[in-house]
Amino acid sequence: MIYTVSDIHGDLAMYSHIVNMLKDNDTLYIIGDVIDRGSSGIAILRDIMKRTNVELLLGNHEWMLLQSLLLADEDIMGTWLSKKNGGQATAETLLGLPTDESDEILSYLASRKICEQIIIDNQKFVLVHGCYLEGIENVKQFEDTRLVQVCLWDSSLYSYVDDKNTTDIYIHGHVPIGSAGLDNPYLDNSRYIDGGNIFGGCQILYNLNTDTCTYLKNINGAIKSKEVSNT
């Protein structure tokens, strides 16, 4: 099975629960924002880097980290470290590591894709954190920072219109579905899988093979699950 999840935001217990659910032949795509707000983003990154069946795509929080530390953008750094975006714990943990370890993490993030396209049973899926723009799958991170910024920060749940013409299902994170007024992740040919876990909502695990979602919620230290389908 192929699964995707988004916006883990440093929740190590939730991340560990999800990867422990995977079978040997399963693959998990995380479509951005494993870091910030929660305290364990770097620990999650280091675990992902060891796994062959977990793929990380960039989210806007990883992009802020890269712009801050690799491009030395002080304005972005201020935004990243703000209370709203919660990058302080991530920065302190990362910069507290030995230089070779922090450099390895930065190099790993700099190698991540912005968009992934997957075909399952003749159905085409596009995975991208915020919104899809045609051709973004061919753009390297630092070739067109404006285009990358749009795809990682904007969302069709608000005012931005994606280039949604040639794909069966688009999968996005970034905007918690509750804050956008959605009752479930399904909207036309899009699947919005940010359940707002870090804000008291749930983590949404989406199965591409079956087009079903599992809602995961930590209740008093025990993670409970509920399946939701497109009905």
Protein backbone atom coordinates (compact mmCIF):
# COMPACT_ATOMS: atom_id res chain seq x y z
CA MET A 1 0.00 0.00 0.00
CA ILE A 2 1.01 3.61 -0.57
CA TYR A 3 0.09 6.11 2.13
CA THR A 4 0.53 9.81 2.61
CA VAL A 5 0.37 12.10 5.62
CA SER A 6 1.08 15.78 6.20
CA ASP A 7 1.82 18.36 8.88
CA ILE A 8 3.16 16.14 11.65
CA HIS A 9 4.82 19.21 13.20
CA GLY A 10 7.17 17.57 15.65
CA ASP A 11 4.69 15.06 17.12
CA LEU A 12 7.03 12.11 17.61
CA ALA A 13 4.40 9.86 19.21
CA MET A 14 2.09 10.26 16.22
CA TYR A 15 4.89 9.82 13.70
CA SER A 16 6.13 6.67 15.47
CA HIS A 17 2.62 5.23 15.54
CA ILE A 18 2.23 5.75 11.80
CA VAL A 19 5.56 4.28 10.74
CA ASN A 20 4.98 1.29 13.04
CA MET A 21 1.73 0.63 11.16
CA LEU A 22 3.61 0.17 7.89
CA LYS A 23 4.20 -3.30 6.50
CA ASP A 24 7.40 -4.28 4.73
CA ASN A 25 6.07 -3.49 1.24
CA ASP A 26 4.27 -0.24 2.20
CA THR A 27 5.50 3.24 1.31
CA LEU A 28 4.73 6.44 3.19
CA TYR A 29 4.97 9.88 1.60
CA ILE A 30 5.04 12.80 4.03
CA ILE A 31 4.01 15.91 2.13
CA GLY A 32 5.75 18.47 4.25
CA ASP A 33 5.90 20.08 7.67
CA VAL A 34 7.40 17.42 9.92
CA ILE A 35 9.17 20.19 11.85
CA ASP A 36 8.26 23.22 14.02
CA ARG A 37 5.52 23.86 16.60
CA GLY A 38 6.11 20.47 18.25
CA SER A 39 9.40 19.72 19.99
CA SER A 40 10.62 16.65 18.09
CA GLY A 41 10.86 17.73 14.47
CA ILE A 42 14.59 17.07 14.17
CA ALA A 43 14.22 13.64 15.80
CA ILE A 44 11.55 12.80 13.22
CA LEU A 45 13.75 14.04 10.38
CA ARG A 46 16.65 11.92 11.55
CA ASP A 47 14.43 8.84 11.66
CA ILE A 48 13.01 9.50 8.19
CA MET A 49 16.54 9.75 6.82
CA LYS A 50 17.23 6.17 7.96
CA ARG A 51 14.16 4.65 6.30
CA THR A 52 13.92 3.42 2.71
CA ASN A 53 10.11 3.31 2.68
CA VAL A 54 9.43 6.87 3.91
CA GLU A 55 9.76 9.78 1.48
CA LEU A 56 9.61 13.41 2.57
CA LEU A 57 8.43 16.20 0.30
CA LEU A 58 9.05 19.82 1.25
CA GLY A 59 6.51 21.82 3.19
CA ASN A 60 6.60 25.54 3.85
CA HIS A 61 8.23 24.96 7.24
CA GLU A 62 11.15 22.98 5.77
CA TRP A 63 11.39 25.68 3.10
CA MET A 64 11.62 28.40 5.77
CA LEU A 65 14.41 26.46 7.46
CA LEU A 66 16.34 26.16 4.19
CA GLN A 67 15.86 29.80 3.28
CA SER A 68 16.96 30.85 6.75
CA LEU A 69 20.05 28.67 7.08
CA LEU A 70 21.19 28.02 3.51
CA LEU A 71 20.14 31.26 1.83
CA ALA A 72 20.72 33.35 4.99
CA ASP A 73 17.46 35.22 4.48
CA GLU A 74 17.04 37.20 7.71
CA ASP A 75 13.46 38.25 6.96
CA ILE A 76 12.39 34.64 6.44
CA MET A 77 14.31 33.61 9.54
CA GLY A 78 12.30 36.09 11.61
CA THR A 79 9.09 34.61 10.21
CA TRP A 80 10.29 31.05 10.84
CA LEU A 81 11.33 31.70 14.44
CA SER A 82 8.16 33.61 15.28
CA LYS A 83 5.72 32.24 17.84
CA LYS A 84 3.15 31.77 15.07
CA ASN A 85 5.36 29.44 13.05
CA GLY A 86 7.16 27.80 15.96
CA GLY A 87 10.62 27.32 14.48
CA GLN A 88 12.55 28.14 17.64
CA ALA A 89 12.72 24.59 19.05
CA THR A 90 13.69 23.22 15.65
CA ALA A 91 16.47 25.79 15.22
CA GLU A 92 17.85 25.24 18.71
CA THR A 93 17.91 21.46 18.31
CA LEU A 94 19.45 21.57 14.85
CA LEU A 95 22.13 24.11 15.70
CA GLY A 96 22.92 22.21 18.88
CA LEU A 97 24.02 19.17 16.91
CA PRO A 98 27.61 18.55 15.83
CA THR A 99 28.29 20.38 12.58
CA ASP A 100 28.55 17.21 10.48
CA GLU A 101 25.14 16.04 11.71
CA SER A 102 23.39 19.37 11.13
CA ASP A 103 25.02 19.64 7.69
CA GLU A 104 23.74 16.16 6.84
CA ILE A 105 20.19 17.19 7.74
CA LEU A 106 20.43 20.40 5.72
CA SER A 107 21.78 18.49 2.72
CA TYR A 108 18.96 15.97 3.02
CA LEU A 109 16.31 18.71 3.11
CA ALA A 110 17.95 20.48 0.18
CA SER A 111 17.60 17.27 -1.84
CA ARG A 112 13.86 16.87 -1.24
CA LYS A 113 11.28 17.16 -3.98
CA ILE A 114 8.54 19.76 -4.05
CA CYS A 115 6.04 17.55 -5.86
CA GLU A 116 5.60 13.84 -6.52
CA GLN A 117 3.50 12.16 -9.20
CA ILE A 118 2.35 8.57 -8.68
CA ILE A 119 0.30 6.27 -10.92
CA ILE A 120 -1.73 3.48 -9.31
CA ASP A 121 -4.07 1.30 -11.41
CA ASN A 122 -4.02 3.90 -14.21
CA GLN A 123 -4.95 6.67 -11.79
CA LYS A 124 -2.59 9.63 -11.57
CA PHE A 125 -1.96 11.24 -8.19
CA VAL A 126 -0.13 14.50 -7.55
CA LEU A 127 1.28 15.14 -4.08
CA VAL A 128 2.30 18.68 -3.10
CA HIS A 129 2.14 20.49 0.22
CA GLY A 130 0.17 23.63 -0.65
CA CYS A 131 -1.08 23.88 -4.22
CA TYR A 132 -0.11 22.54 -7.61
CA LEU A 133 1.16 24.65 -10.50
CA GLU A 134 1.87 23.00 -13.81
CA GLY A 135 5.53 22.09 -14.19
CA ILE A 136 6.48 22.41 -10.52
CA GLU A 137 7.54 18.75 -10.54
CA ASN A 138 10.42 19.76 -12.85
CA VAL A 139 11.60 22.74 -10.80
CA LYS A 140 14.62 22.42 -8.55
CA GLN A 141 14.28 24.12 -5.16
CA PHE A 142 16.48 27.11 -5.79
CA GLU A 143 15.83 27.58 -9.53
CA ASP A 144 12.58 29.51 -9.12
CA THR A 145 12.03 30.43 -5.49
CA ARG A 146 8.90 32.41 -6.37
CA LEU A 147 7.17 29.38 -7.89
CA VAL A 148 8.28 27.14 -5.03
CA GLN A 149 6.99 29.69 -2.53
CA VAL A 150 3.56 29.68 -4.18
CA CYS A 151 3.28 25.89 -4.22
CA LEU A 152 4.31 25.54 -0.58
CA TRP A 153 2.37 28.48 0.91
CA ASP A 154 -0.82 28.93 -1.14
CA SER A 155 -3.88 26.70 -1.12
CA SER A 156 -6.95 26.26 -3.28
CA LEU A 157 -8.94 26.02 -0.05
CA TYR A 158 -8.56 29.79 0.13
CA SER A 159 -8.37 31.94 -2.98
CA TYR A 160 -5.66 30.32 -5.07
CA VAL A 161 -6.72 28.25 -8.08
CA ASP A 162 -4.49 25.29 -8.86
CA ASP A 163 -3.70 24.03 -12.36
CA LYS A 164 -6.03 21.07 -11.92
CA ASN A 165 -6.59 19.70 -15.40
CA THR A 166 -4.76 16.46 -16.10
CA THR A 167 -4.67 14.57 -12.81
CA ASP A 168 -7.21 12.24 -11.23
CA ILE A 169 -6.49 13.07 -7.57
CA TYR A 170 -4.48 15.88 -5.97
CA ILE A 171 -3.27 15.45 -2.37
CA HIS A 172 -2.50 18.51 -0.25
CA GLY A 173 -1.67 19.40 3.33
CA HIS A 174 -0.84 22.84 4.74
CA VAL A 175 -4.35 24.06 5.69
CA PRO A 176 -6.25 22.24 8.48
CA ILE A 177 -9.55 21.13 6.99
CA GLY A 178 -11.54 22.35 9.99
CA SER A 179 -10.23 25.89 9.64
CA ALA A 180 -11.24 25.82 5.97
CA GLY A 181 -14.78 24.71 6.80
CA LEU A 182 -14.47 21.15 5.46
CA ASP A 183 -16.14 18.24 7.25
CA ASN A 184 -13.81 15.67 5.66
CA PRO A 185 -10.74 15.56 3.39
CA TYR A 186 -12.68 14.94 0.16
CA LEU A 187 -13.44 17.86 -2.15
CA ASP A 188 -13.93 17.16 -5.87
CA ASN A 189 -10.69 15.60 -7.12
CA SER A 190 -8.61 16.86 -4.17
CA ARG A 191 -7.79 15.25 -0.85
CA TYR A 192 -6.85 17.72 1.89
CA ILE A 193 -5.10 15.71 4.57
CA ASP A 194 -4.06 18.25 7.21
CA GLY A 195 -6.38 17.40 10.08
CA GLY A 196 -4.85 20.01 12.39
CA ASN A 197 -3.42 17.47 14.83
CA ILE A 198 -0.99 19.94 16.39
CA PHE A 199 -3.93 22.30 17.03
CA GLY A 200 -6.07 19.69 18.77
CA GLY A 201 -7.55 18.07 15.67
CA CYS A 202 -6.42 14.76 14.23
CA GLN A 203 -3.72 13.32 12.01
CA ILE A 204 -5.04 12.09 8.68
CA LEU A 205 -3.41 9.08 7.03
CA TYR A 206 -4.53 8.71 3.41
CA ASN A 207 -4.37 5.43 1.48
CA LEU A 208 -3.85 6.06 -2.23
CA ASN A 209 -4.73 2.49 -3.19
CA THR A 210 -8.18 2.56 -1.58
CA ASP A 211 -8.95 6.32 -1.52
CA THR A 212 -9.69 6.07 2.21
CA CYS A 213 -8.53 8.09 5.19
CA THR A 214 -7.74 7.08 8.73
CA TYR A 215 -8.21 9.72 11.40
CA LEU A 216 -5.67 9.32 14.20
CA LYS A 217 -6.01 11.11 17.53
CA ASN A 218 -3.95 10.88 20.70
CA ILE A 219 -6.36 10.50 23.63
CA ASN A 220 -4.64 10.34 27.01
CA GLY A 221 -1.54 8.76 25.53
CA ALA A 222 -3.37 6.20 23.38
CA ILE A 223 -3.77 6.82 19.66
CA LYS A 224 -7.28 5.99 18.50
CA SER A 225 -8.23 5.53 14.84
CA LYS A 226 -11.33 5.98 12.70
CA GLU A 227 -11.66 5.22 8.99
CA VAL A 228 -13.36 7.66 6.64
CA SER A 229 -14.21 6.99 3.00
CA ASN A 230 -15.32 9.14 0.09
CA THR A 231 -19.08 8.56 0.27
